[in-house]
Amino acid sequence: MTLRWDGGAILLEGECPADEAEGLLELVLAHPAAPIDWSRCRSAHTAVVQVLLAARRPLHGLPEDDFLRRWVLPCLTVSPET
């Protein structure tokens, strides 16, 4: 499983396919203050990225995937006012 709750953060690990997006949304809704640790994420389907964009949660670590670091991370760290 590439998605799990560790009691303090939502963890994304390995390759996160589209079918993990629903589970991620469920965890985000169940734990409204929880950060998301994606330091072990090797890839994420755009459906997972969309949940991350909508959640606007603090992110811990940097994903292993260069595309996520270079292109997705800046979109997740921009303030909603801009």
PDB file of N, CA and C in Angstrom:
ATOM      1  N   MET A   1       0.848  -1.186   0.000  1.00  0.00           N
ATOM      2  CA  MET A   1       0.000   0.000   0.000  1.00  0.00           C
ATOM      3  C   MET A   1       0.888   1.242   0.000  1.00  0.00           C
ATOM      4  N   THR A   2       0.527   2.206  -0.790  1.00  0.00           N
ATOM      5  CA  THR A   2       1.337   3.412  -0.922  1.00  0.00           C
ATOM      6  C   THR A   2       0.834   4.562  -0.062  1.00  0.00           C
ATOM      7  N   LEU A   3      -0.274   4.357   0.620  1.00  0.00           N
ATOM      8  CA  LEU A   3      -0.907   5.406   1.403  1.00  0.00           C
ATOM      9  C   LEU A   3      -1.256   4.855   2.774  1.00  0.00           C
ATOM     10  N   ARG A   4      -0.893   5.609   3.817  1.00  0.00           N
ATOM     11  CA  ARG A   4      -1.262   5.139   5.156  1.00  0.00           C
ATOM     12  C   ARG A   4      -1.224   6.286   6.153  1.00  0.00           C
ATOM     13  N   TRP A   5      -1.893   6.070   7.263  1.00  0.00           N
ATOM     14  CA  TRP A   5      -1.924   6.989   8.382  1.00  0.00           C
ATOM     15  C   TRP A   5      -1.005   6.421   9.453  1.00  0.00           C
ATOM     16  N   ASP A   6      -0.054   7.222   9.937  1.00  0.00           N
ATOM     17  CA  ASP A   6       0.877   6.691  10.944  1.00  0.00           C
ATOM     18  C   ASP A   6       0.578   7.204  12.351  1.00  0.00           C
ATOM     19  N   GLY A   7      -0.550   7.833  12.532  1.00  0.00           N
ATOM     20  CA  GLY A   7      -0.922   8.361  13.834  1.00  0.00           C
ATOM     21  C   GLY A   7      -0.591   9.833  13.999  1.00  0.00           C
ATOM     22  N   GLY A   8       0.225  10.372  13.112  1.00  0.00           N
ATOM     23  CA  GLY A   8       0.580  11.787  13.191  1.00  0.00           C
ATOM     24  C   GLY A   8       0.641  12.471  11.844  1.00  0.00           C
ATOM     25  N   ALA A   9       0.730  11.680  10.788  1.00  0.00           N
ATOM     26  CA  ALA A   9       0.817  12.243   9.431  1.00  0.00           C
ATOM     27  C   ALA A   9       0.259  11.241   8.432  1.00  0.00           C
ATOM     28  N   ILE A  10      -0.140  11.769   7.292  1.00  0.00           N
ATOM     29  CA  ILE A  10      -0.550  10.940   6.171  1.00  0.00           C
ATOM     30  C   ILE A  10       0.700  10.676   5.341  1.00  0.00           C
ATOM     31  N   LEU A  11       0.996   9.417   5.088  1.00  0.00           N
ATOM     32  CA  LEU A  11       2.213   9.056   4.370  1.00  0.00           C
ATOM     33  C   LEU A  11       1.895   8.604   2.955  1.00  0.00           C
ATOM     34  N   LEU A  12       2.631   9.154   2.003  1.00  0.00           N
ATOM     35  CA  LEU A  12       2.582   8.701   0.610  1.00  0.00           C
ATOM     36  C   LEU A  12       3.924   8.046   0.323  1.00  0.00           C
ATOM     37  N   GLU A  13       3.889   6.788  -0.097  1.00  0.00           N
ATOM     38  CA  GLU A  13       5.122   6.036  -0.308  1.00  0.00           C
ATOM     39  C   GLU A  13       5.085   5.295  -1.635  1.00  0.00           C
ATOM     40  N   GLY A  14       6.229   5.228  -2.294  1.00  0.00           N
ATOM     41  CA  GLY A  14       6.330   4.481  -3.544  1.00  0.00           C
ATOM     42  C   GLY A  14       5.606   5.174  -4.676  1.00  0.00           C
ATOM     43  N   GLU A  15       5.015   4.369  -5.536  1.00  0.00           N
ATOM     44  CA  GLU A  15       4.273   4.886  -6.677  1.00  0.00           C
ATOM     45  C   GLU A  15       2.800   4.968  -6.278  1.00  0.00           C
ATOM     46  N   CYS A  16       2.249   6.169  -6.307  1.00  0.00           N
ATOM     47  CA  CYS A  16       0.880   6.405  -5.858  1.00  0.00           C
ATOM     48  C   CYS A  16      -0.053   6.496  -7.068  1.00  0.00           C
ATOM     49  N   PRO A  17      -0.750   5.403  -7.397  1.00  0.00           N
ATOM     50  CA  PRO A  17      -1.609   5.373  -8.576  1.00  0.00           C
ATOM     51  C   PRO A  17      -2.938   6.097  -8.349  1.00  0.00           C
ATOM     52  N   ALA A  18      -3.711   6.210  -9.397  1.00  0.00           N
ATOM     53  CA  ALA A  18      -4.987   6.936  -9.355  1.00  0.00           C
ATOM     54  C   ALA A  18      -5.937   6.377  -8.299  1.00  0.00           C
ATOM     55  N   ASP A  19      -5.939   5.069  -8.102  1.00  0.00           N
ATOM     56  CA  ASP A  19      -6.890   4.499  -7.141  1.00  0.00           C
ATOM     57  C   ASP A  19      -6.580   4.856  -5.696  1.00  0.00           C
ATOM     58  N   GLU A  20      -5.440   5.494  -5.423  1.00  0.00           N
ATOM     59  CA  GLU A  20      -5.118   5.963  -4.078  1.00  0.00           C
ATOM     60  C   GLU A  20      -5.725   7.332  -3.791  1.00  0.00           C
ATOM     61  N   ALA A  21      -6.203   8.031  -4.815  1.00  0.00           N
ATOM     62  CA  ALA A  21      -6.737   9.383  -4.621  1.00  0.00           C
ATOM     63  C   ALA A  21      -7.941   9.379  -3.672  1.00  0.00           C
ATOM     64  N   GLU A  22      -8.828   8.432  -3.824  1.00  0.00           N
ATOM     65  CA  GLU A  22      -9.998   8.370  -2.951  1.00  0.00           C
ATOM     66  C   GLU A  22      -9.593   8.107  -1.501  1.00  0.00           C
ATOM     67  N   GLY A  23      -8.651   7.199  -1.307  1.00  0.00           N
ATOM     68  CA  GLY A  23      -8.168   6.925   0.049  1.00  0.00           C
ATOM     69  C   GLY A  23      -7.471   8.125   0.661  1.00  0.00           C
ATOM     70  N   LEU A  24      -6.715   8.852  -0.157  1.00  0.00           N
ATOM     71  CA  LEU A  24      -6.056  10.058   0.328  1.00  0.00           C
ATOM     72  C   LEU A  24      -7.103  11.084   0.750  1.00  0.00           C
ATOM     73  N   LEU A  25      -8.133  11.265  -0.060  1.00  0.00           N
ATOM     74  CA  LEU A  25      -9.199  12.202   0.292  1.00  0.00           C
ATOM     75  C   LEU A  25      -9.868  11.800   1.601  1.00  0.00           C
ATOM     76  N   GLU A  26     -10.123  10.518   1.777  1.00  0.00           N
ATOM     77  CA  GLU A  26     -10.730  10.040   3.023  1.00  0.00           C
ATOM     78  C   GLU A  26      -9.850  10.351   4.225  1.00  0.00           C
ATOM     79  N   LEU A  27      -8.532  10.140   4.092  1.00  0.00           N
ATOM     80  CA  LEU A  27      -7.621  10.452   5.192  1.00  0.00           C
ATOM     81  C   LEU A  27      -7.547  11.952   5.465  1.00  0.00           C
ATOM     82  N   VAL A  28      -7.538  12.738   4.417  1.00  0.00           N
ATOM     83  CA  VAL A  28      -7.501  14.202   4.570  1.00  0.00           C
ATOM     84  C   VAL A  28      -8.742  14.674   5.322  1.00  0.00           C
ATOM     85  N   LEU A  29      -9.901  14.133   4.965  1.00  0.00           N
ATOM     86  CA  LEU A  29     -11.142  14.526   5.637  1.00  0.00           C
ATOM     87  C   LEU A  29     -11.206  14.005   7.068  1.00  0.00           C
ATOM     88  N   ALA A  30     -10.674  12.830   7.311  1.00  0.00           N
ATOM     89  CA  ALA A  30     -10.706  12.231   8.651  1.00  0.00           C
ATOM     90  C   ALA A  30      -9.720  12.891   9.609  1.00  0.00           C
ATOM     91  N   HIS A  31      -8.650  13.480   9.069  1.00  0.00           N
ATOM     92  CA  HIS A  31      -7.601  14.085   9.899  1.00  0.00           C
ATOM     93  C   HIS A  31      -7.314  15.499   9.386  1.00  0.00           C
ATOM     94  N   PRO A  32      -8.203  16.447   9.695  1.00  0.00           N
ATOM     95  CA  PRO A  32      -8.129  17.779   9.082  1.00  0.00           C
ATOM     96  C   PRO A  32      -6.863  18.579   9.393  1.00  0.00           C
ATOM     97  N   ALA A  33      -6.168  18.261  10.440  1.00  0.00           N
ATOM     98  CA  ALA A  33      -4.960  19.021  10.776  1.00  0.00           C
ATOM     99  C   ALA A  33      -3.676  18.268  10.443  1.00  0.00           C
ATOM    100  N   ALA A  34      -3.795  17.085   9.893  1.00  0.00           N
ATOM    101  CA  ALA A  34      -2.616  16.241   9.667  1.00  0.00           C
ATOM    102  C   ALA A  34      -1.779  16.726   8.489  1.00  0.00           C
ATOM    103  N   PRO A  35      -0.464  16.764   8.678  1.00  0.00           N
ATOM    104  CA  PRO A  35       0.416  17.049   7.544  1.00  0.00           C
ATOM    105  C   PRO A  35       0.530  15.815   6.647  1.00  0.00           C
ATOM    106  N   ILE A  36       1.087  16.027   5.481  1.00  0.00           N
ATOM    107  CA  ILE A  36       1.299  14.930   4.535  1.00  0.00           C
ATOM    108  C   ILE A  36       2.798  14.771   4.313  1.00  0.00           C
ATOM    109  N   ASP A  37       3.294  13.572   4.572  1.00  0.00           N
ATOM    110  CA  ASP A  37       4.707  13.269   4.366  1.00  0.00           C
ATOM    111  C   ASP A  37       4.830  12.520   3.047  1.00  0.00           C
ATOM    112  N   TRP A  38       5.489  13.139   2.107  1.00  0.00           N
ATOM    113  CA  TRP A  38       5.652  12.508   0.790  1.00  0.00           C
ATOM    114  C   TRP A  38       7.120  12.298   0.457  1.00  0.00           C
ATOM    115  N   SER A  39       7.940  12.208   1.475  1.00  0.00           N
ATOM    116  CA  SER A  39       9.383  12.056   1.277  1.00  0.00           C
ATOM    117  C   SER A  39       9.757  10.716   0.638  1.00  0.00           C
ATOM    118  N   ARG A  40       8.873   9.736   0.681  1.00  0.00           N
ATOM    119  CA  ARG A  40       9.144   8.435   0.048  1.00  0.00           C
ATOM    120  C   ARG A  40       8.302   8.214  -1.206  1.00  0.00           C
ATOM    121  N   CYS A  41       7.696   9.280  -1.707  1.00  0.00           N
ATOM    122  CA  CYS A  41       6.851   9.179  -2.901  1.00  0.00           C
ATOM    123  C   CYS A  41       7.728   9.192  -4.152  1.00  0.00           C
ATOM    124  N   ARG A  42       7.647   8.129  -4.937  1.00  0.00           N
ATOM    125  CA  ARG A  42       8.426   8.031  -6.179  1.00  0.00           C
ATOM    126  C   ARG A  42       7.671   8.584  -7.377  1.00  0.00           C
ATOM    127  N   SER A  43       6.346   8.517  -7.334  1.00  0.00           N
ATOM    128  CA  SER A  43       5.517   9.096  -8.391  1.00  0.00           C
ATOM    129  C   SER A  43       4.100   9.226  -7.855  1.00  0.00           C
ATOM    130  N   ALA A  44       3.336  10.141  -8.450  1.00  0.00           N
ATOM    131  CA  ALA A  44       1.952  10.327  -8.036  1.00  0.00           C
ATOM    132  C   ALA A  44       1.098  10.615  -9.270  1.00  0.00           C
ATOM    133  N   HIS A  45       0.029   9.865  -9.408  1.00  0.00           N
ATOM    134  CA  HIS A  45      -0.918  10.091 -10.498  1.00  0.00           C
ATOM    135  C   HIS A  45      -1.536  11.478 -10.327  1.00  0.00           C
ATOM    136  N   THR A  46      -1.968  12.066 -11.417  1.00  0.00           N
ATOM    137  CA  THR A  46      -2.555  13.408 -11.341  1.00  0.00           C
ATOM    138  C   THR A  46      -3.781  13.458 -10.429  1.00  0.00           C
ATOM    139  N   ALA A  47      -4.507  12.363 -10.276  1.00  0.00           N
ATOM    140  CA  ALA A  47      -5.647  12.338  -9.355  1.00  0.00           C
ATOM    141  C   ALA A  47      -5.175  12.541  -7.916  1.00  0.00           C
ATOM    142  N   VAL A  48      -4.044  11.953  -7.575  1.00  0.00           N
ATOM    143  CA  VAL A  48      -3.460  12.135  -6.237  1.00  0.00           C
ATOM    144  C   VAL A  48      -2.980  13.575  -6.085  1.00  0.00           C
ATOM    145  N   VAL A  49      -2.350  14.103  -7.111  1.00  0.00           N
ATOM    146  CA  VAL A  49      -1.883  15.493  -7.078  1.00  0.00           C
ATOM    147  C   VAL A  49      -3.065  16.440  -6.905  1.00  0.00           C
ATOM    148  N   GLN A  50      -4.184  16.165  -7.537  1.00  0.00           N
ATOM    149  CA  GLN A  50      -5.361  17.017  -7.397  1.00  0.00           C
ATOM    150  C   GLN A  50      -5.854  17.050  -5.957  1.00  0.00           C
ATOM    151  N   VAL A  51      -5.822  15.919  -5.276  1.00  0.00           N
ATOM    152  CA  VAL A  51      -6.221  15.895  -3.868  1.00  0.00           C
ATOM    153  C   VAL A  51      -5.235  16.717  -3.045  1.00  0.00           C
ATOM    154  N   LEU A  52      -3.949  16.588  -3.331  1.00  0.00           N
ATOM    155  CA  LEU A  52      -2.954  17.391  -2.620  1.00  0.00           C
ATOM    156  C   LEU A  52      -3.187  18.884  -2.844  1.00  0.00           C
ATOM    157  N   LEU A  53      -3.497  19.252  -4.070  1.00  0.00           N
ATOM    158  CA  LEU A  53      -3.766  20.660  -4.384  1.00  0.00           C
ATOM    159  C   LEU A  53      -4.985  21.173  -3.620  1.00  0.00           C
ATOM    160  N   ALA A  54      -6.025  20.381  -3.571  1.00  0.00           N
ATOM    161  CA  ALA A  54      -7.249  20.792  -2.882  1.00  0.00           C
ATOM    162  C   ALA A  54      -7.074  20.817  -1.367  1.00  0.00           C
ATOM    163  N   ALA A  55      -6.262  19.908  -0.845  1.00  0.00           N
ATOM    164  CA  ALA A  55      -6.098  19.794   0.611  1.00  0.00           C
ATOM    165  C   ALA A  55      -5.319  20.954   1.212  1.00  0.00           C
ATOM    166  N   ARG A  56      -4.345  21.465   0.479  1.00  0.00           N
ATOM    167  CA  ARG A  56      -3.505  22.570   0.981  1.00  0.00           C
ATOM    168  C   ARG A  56      -2.966  22.286   2.378  1.00  0.00           C
ATOM    169  N   ARG A  57      -2.366  21.117   2.537  1.00  0.00           N
ATOM    170  CA  ARG A  57      -1.791  20.705   3.817  1.00  0.00           C
ATOM    171  C   ARG A  57      -0.305  20.975   3.846  1.00  0.00           C
ATOM    172  N   PRO A  58       0.248  21.110   5.050  1.00  0.00           N
ATOM    173  CA  PRO A  58       1.708  21.173   5.146  1.00  0.00           C
ATOM    174  C   PRO A  58       2.302  19.866   4.627  1.00  0.00           C
ATOM    175  N   LEU A  59       3.360  19.978   3.845  1.00  0.00           N
ATOM    176  CA  LEU A  59       4.039  18.813   3.293  1.00  0.00           C
ATOM    177  C   LEU A  59       5.370  18.621   3.997  1.00  0.00           C
ATOM    178  N   HIS A  60       5.656  17.404   4.371  1.00  0.00           N
ATOM    179  CA  HIS A  60       6.932  17.078   5.007  1.00  0.00           C
ATOM    180  C   HIS A  60       7.818  16.368   4.002  1.00  0.00           C
ATOM    181  N   GLY A  61       9.067  16.769   3.948  1.00  0.00           N
ATOM    182  CA  GLY A  61      10.036  16.121   3.084  1.00  0.00           C
ATOM    183  C   GLY A  61       9.877  16.517   1.632  1.00  0.00           C
ATOM    184  N   LEU A  62      10.771  16.001   0.839  1.00  0.00           N
ATOM    185  CA  LEU A  62      10.724  16.196  -0.609  1.00  0.00           C
ATOM    186  C   LEU A  62      10.497  14.847  -1.256  1.00  0.00           C
ATOM    187  N   PRO A  63       9.627  14.789  -2.269  1.00  0.00           N
ATOM    188  CA  PRO A  63       9.394  13.507  -2.931  1.00  0.00           C
ATOM    189  C   PRO A  63      10.644  13.037  -3.668  1.00  0.00           C
ATOM    190  N   GLU A  64      10.760  11.742  -3.834  1.00  0.00           N
ATOM    191  CA  GLU A  64      11.905  11.176  -4.553  1.00  0.00           C
ATOM    192  C   GLU A  64      11.885  11.561  -6.031  1.00  0.00           C
ATOM    193  N   ASP A  65      10.715  11.764  -6.583  1.00  0.00           N
ATOM    194  CA  ASP A  65      10.550  12.022  -8.005  1.00  0.00           C
ATOM    195  C   ASP A  65      10.917  13.462  -8.370  1.00  0.00           C
ATOM    196  N   ASP A  66      11.800  13.615  -9.341  1.00  0.00           N
ATOM    197  CA  ASP A  66      12.245  14.935  -9.773  1.00  0.00           C
ATOM    198  C   ASP A  66      11.096  15.775 -10.329  1.00  0.00           C
ATOM    199  N   PHE A  67      10.182  15.158 -11.085  1.00  0.00           N
ATOM    200  CA  PHE A  67       9.043  15.893 -11.635  1.00  0.00           C
ATOM    201  C   PHE A  67       8.188  16.480 -10.518  1.00  0.00           C
ATOM    202  N   LEU A  68       7.918  15.693  -9.490  1.00  0.00           N
ATOM    203  CA  LEU A  68       7.122  16.193  -8.368  1.00  0.00           C
ATOM    204  C   LEU A  68       7.834  17.338  -7.653  1.00  0.00           C
ATOM    205  N   ARG A  69       9.133  17.202  -7.468  1.00  0.00           N
ATOM    206  CA  ARG A  69       9.898  18.270  -6.803  1.00  0.00           C
ATOM    207  C   ARG A  69       9.921  19.543  -7.639  1.00  0.00           C
ATOM    208  N   ARG A  70      10.178  19.384  -8.925  1.00  0.00           N
ATOM    209  CA  ARG A  70      10.387  20.543  -9.791  1.00  0.00           C
ATOM    210  C   ARG A  70       9.093  21.247 -10.185  1.00  0.00           C
ATOM    211  N   TRP A  71       8.054  20.488 -10.521  1.00  0.00           N
ATOM    212  CA  TRP A  71       6.850  21.078 -11.099  1.00  0.00           C
ATOM    213  C   TRP A  71       5.639  21.080 -10.181  1.00  0.00           C
ATOM    214  N   VAL A  72       5.478  20.056  -9.373  1.00  0.00           N
ATOM    215  CA  VAL A  72       4.283  19.968  -8.540  1.00  0.00           C
ATOM    216  C   VAL A  72       4.464  20.714  -7.219  1.00  0.00           C
ATOM    217  N   LEU A  73       5.598  20.536  -6.581  1.00  0.00           N
ATOM    218  CA  LEU A  73       5.833  21.181  -5.289  1.00  0.00           C
ATOM    219  C   LEU A  73       5.599  22.696  -5.321  1.00  0.00           C
ATOM    220  N   PRO A  74       6.090  23.432  -6.317  1.00  0.00           N
ATOM    221  CA  PRO A  74       5.808  24.875  -6.328  1.00  0.00           C
ATOM    222  C   PRO A  74       4.309  25.198  -6.367  1.00  0.00           C
ATOM    223  N   CYS A  75       3.532  24.365  -7.019  1.00  0.00           N
ATOM    224  CA  CYS A  75       2.083  24.585  -7.070  1.00  0.00           C
ATOM    225  C   CYS A  75       1.425  24.339  -5.722  1.00  0.00           C
ATOM    226  N   LEU A  76       2.004  23.454  -4.940  1.00  0.00           N
ATOM    227  CA  LEU A  76       1.452  23.125  -3.629  1.00  0.00           C
ATOM    228  C   LEU A  76       1.861  24.117  -2.562  1.00  0.00           C
ATOM    229  N   THR A  77       2.872  24.917  -2.821  1.00  0.00           N
ATOM    230  CA  THR A  77       3.361  25.855  -1.810  1.00  0.00           C
ATOM    231  C   THR A  77       2.956  27.293  -2.090  1.00  0.00           C
ATOM    232  N   VAL A  78       2.268  27.547  -3.198  1.00  0.00           N
ATOM    233  CA  VAL A  78       1.802  28.898  -3.506  1.00  0.00           C
ATOM    234  C   VAL A  78       0.596  29.208  -2.632  1.00  0.00           C
ATOM    235  N   SER A  79       0.571  30.417  -2.087  1.00  0.00           N
ATOM    236  CA  SER A  79      -0.560  30.785  -1.235  1.00  0.00           C
ATOM    237  C   SER A  79      -1.817  30.932  -2.088  1.00  0.00           C
ATOM    238  N   PRO A  80      -2.998  30.625  -1.531  1.00  0.00           N
ATOM    239  CA  PRO A  80      -4.247  30.671  -2.282  1.00  0.00           C
ATOM    240  C   PRO A  80      -4.613  32.091  -2.743  1.00  0.00           C
ATOM    241  N   GLU A  81      -4.049  33.121  -2.134  1.00  0.00           N
ATOM    242  CA  GLU A  81      -4.391  34.486  -2.490  1.00  0.00           C
ATOM    243  C   GLU A  81      -3.766  34.927  -3.800  1.00  0.00           C
ATOM    244  N   THR A  82      -2.713  34.228  -4.272  1.00  0.00           N
ATOM    245  CA  THR A  82      -2.022  34.666  -5.489  1.00  0.00           C
ATOM    246  C   THR A  82      -2.592  34.019  -6.714  1.00  0.00           C
TER     247      THR A  82
END
